[in-house]
Amino acid sequence: LEEKANLKSLQLQQEYIGSGIAECRVLNQILEKNIAELDEKVNTILDYEKRSVLNDREFKLQLRDYFLTEIQFLILSQEIDKNCSRDHLKVLFFYDEDKQDTQGRILDYLKSLFGPRVLIFSFDSGFIEEPMIKLLLTSYHITTFPAVVVEDEVFQGATSVKTLLAEICHKLPGDVPKECTI
């Protein structure tokens, strides 16, 4: 029931944004809150996996729901961008099952520097249960993992903190944050 209510709320938020009535500051706050709640949800799902609380089918359904919700938030943020001046940028992260990969930790570090000004959306490139992930991979012509998309710039393979920081600083709208002057 909670998932159904959250989905309905998200759909109404998108309709409200489309109406042009909504105040941009409030819309961005709602988006940030939604994304924070989504982060909590993935931690719960991963905890379920570790404790084997869910069977494989239920786990994949929970994970699919998570990815679909994340894609909806990505679309919501794009709708907000159409109607409001941007104060953030979007980063898409496509990972695979390489346990040695450090790209996720690099993005966590960058998120800690920029906070809500950088929205990170992470997707398991091998999660074949959700066709939207394949559609995103195809849209960005991604064939090598990990892959990071900063707005419209695609980086395939491991990408350094320095490279991603430079790209974020270059693309971040508004005032240049102090993190970009180091």
C-alpha atoms as a PDB file:
ATOM      1  CA  LEU A   1       0.000   0.000   0.000  1.00  0.00           C
ATOM      2  CA  GLU A   2       2.869   2.372   0.814  1.00  0.00           C
ATOM      3  CA  GLU A   3       4.423   1.782  -2.611  1.00  0.00           C
ATOM      4  CA  LYS A   4       1.088   2.475  -4.304  1.00  0.00           C
ATOM      5  CA  ALA A   5       0.681   5.724  -2.348  1.00  0.00           C
ATOM      6  CA  ASN A   6       4.243   6.789  -3.190  1.00  0.00           C
ATOM      7  CA  LEU A   7       3.662   6.080  -6.882  1.00  0.00           C
ATOM      8  CA  LYS A   8       0.410   8.056  -6.896  1.00  0.00           C
ATOM      9  CA  SER A   9       2.156  10.937  -5.112  1.00  0.00           C
ATOM     10  CA  LEU A  10       4.949  10.919  -7.677  1.00  0.00           C
ATOM     11  CA  GLN A  11       2.478  10.925 -10.568  1.00  0.00           C
ATOM     12  CA  LEU A  12       0.592  13.843  -9.021  1.00  0.00           C
ATOM     13  CA  GLN A  13       3.847  15.735  -8.487  1.00  0.00           C
ATOM     14  CA  GLN A  14       4.662  15.298 -12.183  1.00  0.00           C
ATOM     15  CA  GLU A  15       1.208  16.538 -13.189  1.00  0.00           C
ATOM     16  CA  TYR A  16       1.530  19.509 -10.843  1.00  0.00           C
ATOM     17  CA  ILE A  17       4.926  20.419 -12.293  1.00  0.00           C
ATOM     18  CA  GLY A  18       3.468  20.214 -15.784  1.00  0.00           C
ATOM     19  CA  SER A  19       0.712  22.639 -14.789  1.00  0.00           C
ATOM     20  CA  GLY A  20       3.306  25.380 -14.266  1.00  0.00           C
ATOM     21  CA  ILE A  21       1.787  26.429 -10.924  1.00  0.00           C
ATOM     22  CA  ALA A  22       4.387  24.904  -8.626  1.00  0.00           C
ATOM     23  CA  GLU A  23       7.136  26.964  -6.997  1.00  0.00           C
ATOM     24  CA  CYS A  24      10.569  25.799  -8.130  1.00  0.00           C
ATOM     25  CA  ARG A  25      12.241  25.913  -4.712  1.00  0.00           C
ATOM     26  CA  VAL A  26       9.543  23.668  -3.262  1.00  0.00           C
ATOM     27  CA  LEU A  27       9.771  21.264  -6.218  1.00  0.00           C
ATOM     28  CA  ASN A  28      13.515  20.869  -5.732  1.00  0.00           C
ATOM     29  CA  GLN A  29      13.029  20.266  -1.997  1.00  0.00           C
ATOM     30  CA  ILE A  30      10.444  17.575  -2.756  1.00  0.00           C
ATOM     31  CA  LEU A  31      12.784  15.942  -5.263  1.00  0.00           C
ATOM     32  CA  GLU A  32      15.655  15.948  -2.737  1.00  0.00           C
ATOM     33  CA  LYS A  33      13.371  14.395  -0.094  1.00  0.00           C
ATOM     34  CA  ASN A  34      12.194  11.720  -2.539  1.00  0.00           C
ATOM     35  CA  ILE A  35      15.758  10.817  -3.471  1.00  0.00           C
ATOM     36  CA  ALA A  36      16.800  10.633   0.198  1.00  0.00           C
ATOM     37  CA  GLU A  37      13.895   8.248   0.858  1.00  0.00           C
ATOM     38  CA  LEU A  38      14.973   6.193  -2.145  1.00  0.00           C
ATOM     39  CA  ASP A  39      18.483   5.884  -0.655  1.00  0.00           C
ATOM     40  CA  GLU A  40      16.924   4.498   2.528  1.00  0.00           C
ATOM     41  CA  LYS A  41      14.896   2.027   0.469  1.00  0.00           C
ATOM     42  CA  VAL A  42      17.940   0.594  -1.317  1.00  0.00           C
ATOM     43  CA  ASN A  43      19.678   0.096   2.028  1.00  0.00           C
ATOM     44  CA  THR A  44      16.636  -1.844   3.260  1.00  0.00           C
ATOM     45  CA  ILE A  45      16.627  -3.988   0.100  1.00  0.00           C
ATOM     46  CA  LEU A  46      20.343  -4.730   0.420  1.00  0.00           C
ATOM     47  CA  ASP A  47      19.854  -5.594   4.075  1.00  0.00           C
ATOM     48  CA  TYR A  48      17.097  -8.030   3.070  1.00  0.00           C
ATOM     49  CA  GLU A  49      19.489  -9.615   0.581  1.00  0.00           C
ATOM     50  CA  LYS A  50      22.225 -10.013   3.212  1.00  0.00           C
ATOM     51  CA  ARG A  51      19.841 -11.570   5.723  1.00  0.00           C
ATOM     52  CA  SER A  52      18.068 -13.622   3.024  1.00  0.00           C
ATOM     53  CA  VAL A  53      14.734 -12.290   4.253  1.00  0.00           C
ATOM     54  CA  LEU A  54      13.344 -12.324   0.706  1.00  0.00           C
ATOM     55  CA  ASN A  55      13.430 -15.193  -1.724  1.00  0.00           C
ATOM     56  CA  ASP A  56      15.153 -14.517  -5.058  1.00  0.00           C
ATOM     57  CA  ARG A  57      11.931 -13.614  -6.877  1.00  0.00           C
ATOM     58  CA  GLU A  58      10.797 -11.182  -4.171  1.00  0.00           C
ATOM     59  CA  PHE A  59      14.263  -9.641  -3.997  1.00  0.00           C
ATOM     60  CA  LYS A  60      14.309  -9.045  -7.762  1.00  0.00           C
ATOM     61  CA  LEU A  61      10.829  -7.510  -7.607  1.00  0.00           C
ATOM     62  CA  GLN A  62      11.934  -5.147  -4.823  1.00  0.00           C
ATOM     63  CA  LEU A  63      15.051  -4.231  -6.780  1.00  0.00           C
ATOM     64  CA  ARG A  64      13.043  -3.695  -9.975  1.00  0.00           C
ATOM     65  CA  ASP A  65      10.656  -1.418  -8.096  1.00  0.00           C
ATOM     66  CA  TYR A  66      13.635   0.517  -6.742  1.00  0.00           C
ATOM     67  CA  PHE A  67      15.141   1.014 -10.220  1.00  0.00           C
ATOM     68  CA  LEU A  68      11.774   2.037 -11.690  1.00  0.00           C
ATOM     69  CA  THR A  69      11.261   4.558  -8.894  1.00  0.00           C
ATOM     70  CA  GLU A  70      14.752   5.904  -9.474  1.00  0.00           C
ATOM     71  CA  ILE A  71      13.993   6.323 -13.191  1.00  0.00           C
ATOM     72  CA  GLN A  72      10.764   8.135 -12.297  1.00  0.00           C
ATOM     73  CA  PHE A  73      12.744  10.526 -10.086  1.00  0.00           C
ATOM     74  CA  LEU A  74      15.183  11.081 -12.963  1.00  0.00           C
ATOM     75  CA  ILE A  75      12.270  11.966 -15.248  1.00  0.00           C
ATOM     76  CA  LEU A  76      10.765  14.152 -12.506  1.00  0.00           C
ATOM     77  CA  SER A  77      14.052  16.051 -12.176  1.00  0.00           C
ATOM     78  CA  GLN A  78      14.108  16.558 -15.956  1.00  0.00           C
ATOM     79  CA  GLU A  79      10.556  17.956 -15.804  1.00  0.00           C
ATOM     80  CA  ILE A  80      11.585  20.321 -13.016  1.00  0.00           C
ATOM     81  CA  ASP A  81      14.534  21.458 -15.177  1.00  0.00           C
ATOM     82  CA  LYS A  82      12.123  22.378 -17.995  1.00  0.00           C
ATOM     83  CA  ASN A  83      10.059  24.628 -15.727  1.00  0.00           C
ATOM     84  CA  CYS A  84      12.650  25.996 -13.314  1.00  0.00           C
ATOM     85  CA  SER A  85      16.165  27.354 -13.378  1.00  0.00           C
ATOM     86  CA  ARG A  86      18.533  24.511 -12.584  1.00  0.00           C
ATOM     87  CA  ASP A  87      20.570  24.525  -9.414  1.00  0.00           C
ATOM     88  CA  HIS A  88      21.763  20.925  -9.669  1.00  0.00           C
ATOM     89  CA  LEU A  89      23.049  18.443 -12.196  1.00  0.00           C
ATOM     90  CA  LYS A  90      22.317  14.795 -12.808  1.00  0.00           C
ATOM     91  CA  VAL A  91      24.816  11.957 -12.785  1.00  0.00           C
ATOM     92  CA  LEU A  92      23.874   8.480 -13.984  1.00  0.00           C
ATOM     93  CA  PHE A  93      26.036   5.592 -12.828  1.00  0.00           C
ATOM     94  CA  PHE A  94      25.899   2.204 -14.521  1.00  0.00           C
ATOM     95  CA  TYR A  95      27.762  -0.539 -12.691  1.00  0.00           C
ATOM     96  CA  ASP A  96      28.323  -4.253 -13.089  1.00  0.00           C
ATOM     97  CA  GLU A  97      29.186  -6.994 -10.611  1.00  0.00           C
ATOM     98  CA  ASP A  98      32.917  -6.184 -10.427  1.00  0.00           C
ATOM     99  CA  LYS A  99      33.648  -6.236  -6.688  1.00  0.00           C
ATOM    100  CA  GLN A 100      36.991  -4.456  -7.273  1.00  0.00           C
ATOM    101  CA  ASP A 101      35.303  -1.436  -8.852  1.00  0.00           C
ATOM    102  CA  THR A 102      35.705   1.797  -6.875  1.00  0.00           C
ATOM    103  CA  GLN A 103      33.597   4.067  -9.106  1.00  0.00           C
ATOM    104  CA  GLY A 104      30.679   3.990  -6.654  1.00  0.00           C
ATOM    105  CA  ARG A 105      32.913   5.173  -3.800  1.00  0.00           C
ATOM    106  CA  ILE A 106      34.280   7.963  -6.007  1.00  0.00           C
ATOM    107  CA  LEU A 107      30.713   9.119  -6.704  1.00  0.00           C
ATOM    108  CA  ASP A 108      29.863   8.883  -2.988  1.00  0.00           C
ATOM    109  CA  TYR A 109      32.819  11.179  -2.292  1.00  0.00           C
ATOM    110  CA  LEU A 110      31.713  13.680  -4.958  1.00  0.00           C
ATOM    111  CA  LYS A 111      28.165  13.577  -3.569  1.00  0.00           C
ATOM    112  CA  SER A 112      29.573  14.391  -0.113  1.00  0.00           C
ATOM    113  CA  LEU A 113      31.329  17.445  -1.609  1.00  0.00           C
ATOM    114  CA  PHE A 114      28.341  18.841  -3.497  1.00  0.00           C
ATOM    115  CA  GLY A 115      25.356  17.552  -1.517  1.00  0.00           C
ATOM    116  CA  PRO A 116      21.956  18.138  -3.146  1.00  0.00           C
ATOM    117  CA  ARG A 117      23.483  20.029  -6.092  1.00  0.00           C
ATOM    118  CA  VAL A 118      24.535  16.684  -7.587  1.00  0.00           C
ATOM    119  CA  LEU A 119      21.805  14.069  -8.069  1.00  0.00           C
ATOM    120  CA  ILE A 120      23.200  10.567  -8.579  1.00  0.00           C
ATOM    121  CA  PHE A 121      21.104   7.798 -10.112  1.00  0.00           C
ATOM    122  CA  SER A 122      22.695   4.324  -9.981  1.00  0.00           C
ATOM    123  CA  PHE A 123      21.722   1.342 -12.114  1.00  0.00           C
ATOM    124  CA  ASP A 124      22.880  -2.277 -12.249  1.00  0.00           C
ATOM    125  CA  SER A 125      23.765  -2.781 -15.919  1.00  0.00           C
ATOM    126  CA  GLY A 126      23.186  -6.522 -15.611  1.00  0.00           C
ATOM    127  CA  PHE A 127      19.686  -6.314 -14.151  1.00  0.00           C
ATOM    128  CA  ILE A 128      17.869  -7.800 -17.135  1.00  0.00           C
ATOM    129  CA  GLU A 129      14.541  -7.943 -15.297  1.00  0.00           C
ATOM    130  CA  GLU A 130      13.995  -4.243 -16.047  1.00  0.00           C
ATOM    131  CA  PRO A 131      14.017  -3.230 -19.733  1.00  0.00           C
ATOM    132  CA  MET A 132      14.278   0.503 -18.896  1.00  0.00           C
ATOM    133  CA  ILE A 133      17.880  -0.017 -17.770  1.00  0.00           C
ATOM    134  CA  LYS A 134      18.720  -1.536 -21.164  1.00  0.00           C
ATOM    135  CA  LEU A 135      16.954   1.407 -22.823  1.00  0.00           C
ATOM    136  CA  LEU A 136      19.095   3.890 -20.866  1.00  0.00           C
ATOM    137  CA  LEU A 137      22.274   1.969 -21.742  1.00  0.00           C
ATOM    138  CA  THR A 138      21.322   1.996 -25.414  1.00  0.00           C
ATOM    139  CA  SER A 139      20.352   5.688 -25.341  1.00  0.00           C
ATOM    140  CA  TYR A 140      23.772   6.659 -24.006  1.00  0.00           C
ATOM    141  CA  HIS A 141      25.633   4.087 -26.200  1.00  0.00           C
ATOM    142  CA  ILE A 142      27.193   2.477 -23.121  1.00  0.00           C
ATOM    143  CA  THR A 143      29.064  -0.782 -23.642  1.00  0.00           C
ATOM    144  CA  THR A 144      31.843  -0.626 -21.007  1.00  0.00           C
ATOM    145  CA  PHE A 145      31.421  -0.610 -17.230  1.00  0.00           C
ATOM    146  CA  PRO A 146      31.511   1.154 -14.969  1.00  0.00           C
ATOM    147  CA  ALA A 147      30.033   4.072 -16.879  1.00  0.00           C
ATOM    148  CA  VAL A 148      29.161   7.548 -15.629  1.00  0.00           C
ATOM    149  CA  VAL A 149      27.020  10.131 -17.399  1.00  0.00           C
ATOM    150  CA  VAL A 150      27.376  13.727 -16.172  1.00  0.00           C
ATOM    151  CA  GLU A 151      24.394  15.473 -17.749  1.00  0.00           C
ATOM    152  CA  ASP A 152      25.139  14.532 -21.386  1.00  0.00           C
ATOM    153  CA  GLU A 153      28.832  13.619 -21.159  1.00  0.00           C
ATOM    154  CA  VAL A 154      29.477   9.850 -21.079  1.00  0.00           C
ATOM    155  CA  PHE A 155      32.535   8.311 -19.412  1.00  0.00           C
ATOM    156  CA  GLN A 156      33.043   4.579 -19.986  1.00  0.00           C
ATOM    157  CA  GLY A 157      35.405   2.514 -17.879  1.00  0.00           C
ATOM    158  CA  ALA A 158      36.909   3.595 -14.568  1.00  0.00           C
ATOM    159  CA  THR A 159      36.967   7.394 -14.349  1.00  0.00           C
ATOM    160  CA  SER A 160      39.128   9.287 -11.853  1.00  0.00           C
ATOM    161  CA  VAL A 161      37.921  11.673  -9.168  1.00  0.00           C
ATOM    162  CA  LYS A 162      39.856  14.460 -10.888  1.00  0.00           C
ATOM    163  CA  THR A 163      38.140  13.911 -14.251  1.00  0.00           C
ATOM    164  CA  LEU A 164      34.646  13.694 -12.768  1.00  0.00           C
ATOM    165  CA  LEU A 165      35.248  16.671 -10.465  1.00  0.00           C
ATOM    166  CA  ALA A 166      36.362  18.777 -13.444  1.00  0.00           C
ATOM    167  CA  GLU A 167      33.277  17.745 -15.449  1.00  0.00           C
ATOM    168  CA  ILE A 168      30.895  18.420 -12.558  1.00  0.00           C
ATOM    169  CA  CYS A 169      32.472  21.813 -11.923  1.00  0.00           C
ATOM    170  CA  HIS A 170      32.233  22.648 -15.633  1.00  0.00           C
ATOM    171  CA  LYS A 171      28.567  21.659 -15.900  1.00  0.00           C
ATOM    172  CA  LEU A 172      27.225  22.700 -12.496  1.00  0.00           C
ATOM    173  CA  PRO A 173      24.824  25.614 -12.948  1.00  0.00           C
ATOM    174  CA  GLY A 174      25.026  28.768 -10.860  1.00  0.00           C
ATOM    175  CA  ASP A 175      27.887  29.941  -8.701  1.00  0.00           C
ATOM    176  CA  VAL A 176      31.076  27.917  -8.782  1.00  0.00           C
ATOM    177  CA  PRO A 177      31.278  26.116  -5.442  1.00  0.00           C
ATOM    178  CA  LYS A 178      34.438  26.230  -3.365  1.00  0.00           C
ATOM    179  CA  GLU A 179      35.016  22.540  -4.132  1.00  0.00           C
ATOM    180  CA  CYS A 180      35.790  23.540  -7.718  1.00  0.00           C
ATOM    181  CA  THR A 181      38.567  25.959  -6.802  1.00  0.00           C
ATOM    182  CA  ILE A 182      40.908  23.425  -5.188  1.00  0.00           C
END
